[in-house]
Amino acid sequence: AILDETDSGLDIDALKLVAEGVNRLRDGQRSFIVITHYQRLLDYLKPDRVHVLSDGRIVESGDQGLAERLEREGYAFLEPGEA
């Protein structure tokens, strides 16, 4: 399933319901691609992998720690010469 900005416009209660639904469906046999710009959804929906896209390409991959770093530092650390 592809969930493209599912968290857009949702209040916290609706966000939790979406995450609970996805978590119930996670069984090792299904795949989910969740597209979001915000860490908040990932507080309830723990990703196995995180990919950062820029100009249509994956520029960084990691675990939930990558999403947490993005939340703390923004995207600057992904720029060449930054780190």
Protein backbone atom coordinates (compact mmCIF):
# COMPACT_ATOMS: atom_id res chain seq x y z
CA ALA A 1 0.00 0.00 0.00
CA ILE A 2 1.14 3.55 -0.66
CA LEU A 3 0.05 6.17 1.86
CA ASP A 4 0.93 9.56 0.38
CA GLU A 5 0.85 12.31 3.02
CA THR A 6 -1.86 10.50 4.93
CA ASP A 7 -1.20 12.80 7.88
CA SER A 8 -2.03 15.97 5.92
CA GLY A 9 -4.81 17.83 7.71
CA LEU A 10 -5.40 15.18 10.37
CA ASP A 11 -5.81 16.03 14.02
CA ILE A 12 -3.98 13.94 16.61
CA ASP A 13 -6.89 11.55 17.19
CA ALA A 14 -7.30 10.81 13.48
CA LEU A 15 -3.54 10.41 13.11
CA LYS A 16 -3.50 7.80 15.87
CA LEU A 17 -6.38 5.92 14.18
CA VAL A 18 -4.50 5.81 10.87
CA ALA A 19 -1.35 4.55 12.58
CA GLU A 20 -3.28 1.92 14.55
CA GLY A 21 -4.88 0.66 11.34
CA VAL A 22 -1.55 0.36 9.57
CA ASN A 23 0.06 -1.29 12.60
CA ARG A 24 -2.75 -3.87 12.73
CA LEU A 25 -2.15 -4.75 9.08
CA ARG A 26 1.61 -5.20 9.50
CA ASP A 27 2.18 -8.92 9.36
CA GLY A 28 5.44 -9.41 7.48
CA GLN A 29 3.53 -10.25 4.30
CA ARG A 30 2.48 -6.70 3.39
CA SER A 31 4.53 -3.70 2.43
CA PHE A 32 3.68 -0.08 3.09
CA ILE A 33 5.25 2.99 1.61
CA VAL A 34 4.39 5.93 3.81
CA ILE A 35 5.17 9.37 2.43
CA THR A 36 5.25 12.14 5.02
CA HIS A 37 7.01 15.41 5.72
CA TYR A 38 6.50 15.20 9.45
CA GLN A 39 7.95 13.14 12.29
CA ARG A 40 4.64 13.16 14.15
CA LEU A 41 3.18 10.22 12.21
CA LEU A 42 6.31 8.19 12.93
CA ASP A 43 5.71 8.59 16.66
CA TYR A 44 2.84 6.13 16.23
CA LEU A 45 3.93 4.20 13.15
CA LYS A 46 7.44 2.83 13.61
CA PRO A 47 9.14 2.46 10.22
CA ASP A 48 11.48 -0.39 9.33
CA ARG A 49 13.34 1.85 6.86
CA VAL A 50 13.43 5.58 6.18
CA HIS A 51 14.41 7.03 2.82
CA VAL A 52 14.94 10.72 2.08
CA LEU A 53 14.18 11.82 -1.47
CA SER A 54 15.46 14.92 -3.24
CA ASP A 55 14.80 15.70 -6.89
CA GLY A 56 13.21 12.27 -7.30
CA ARG A 57 16.23 10.34 -5.98
CA ILE A 58 16.93 8.61 -2.68
CA VAL A 59 19.74 10.64 -1.11
CA GLU A 60 19.85 8.98 2.31
CA SER A 61 18.52 5.80 3.88
CA GLY A 62 18.43 4.55 7.43
CA ASP A 63 16.23 3.50 10.30
CA GLN A 64 13.95 5.61 12.45
CA GLY A 65 17.03 7.39 13.76
CA LEU A 66 17.33 9.12 10.38
CA ALA A 67 13.82 10.56 10.73
CA GLU A 68 14.60 11.69 14.27
CA ARG A 69 17.81 13.38 13.09
CA LEU A 70 15.89 15.17 10.35
CA GLU A 71 13.44 16.42 12.97
CA ARG A 72 16.27 17.74 15.15
CA GLU A 73 18.62 19.13 12.50
CA GLY A 74 16.58 19.68 9.36
CA TYR A 75 17.92 18.76 5.93
CA ALA A 76 21.17 20.73 6.10
CA PHE A 77 23.26 17.71 7.12
CA LEU A 78 22.34 16.06 3.81
CA GLU A 79 23.91 18.87 1.77
CA PRO A 80 27.40 18.25 0.35
CA GLY A 81 30.02 19.72 2.64
CA GLU A 82 27.70 19.75 5.66
CA ALA A 83 27.83 17.22 8.47
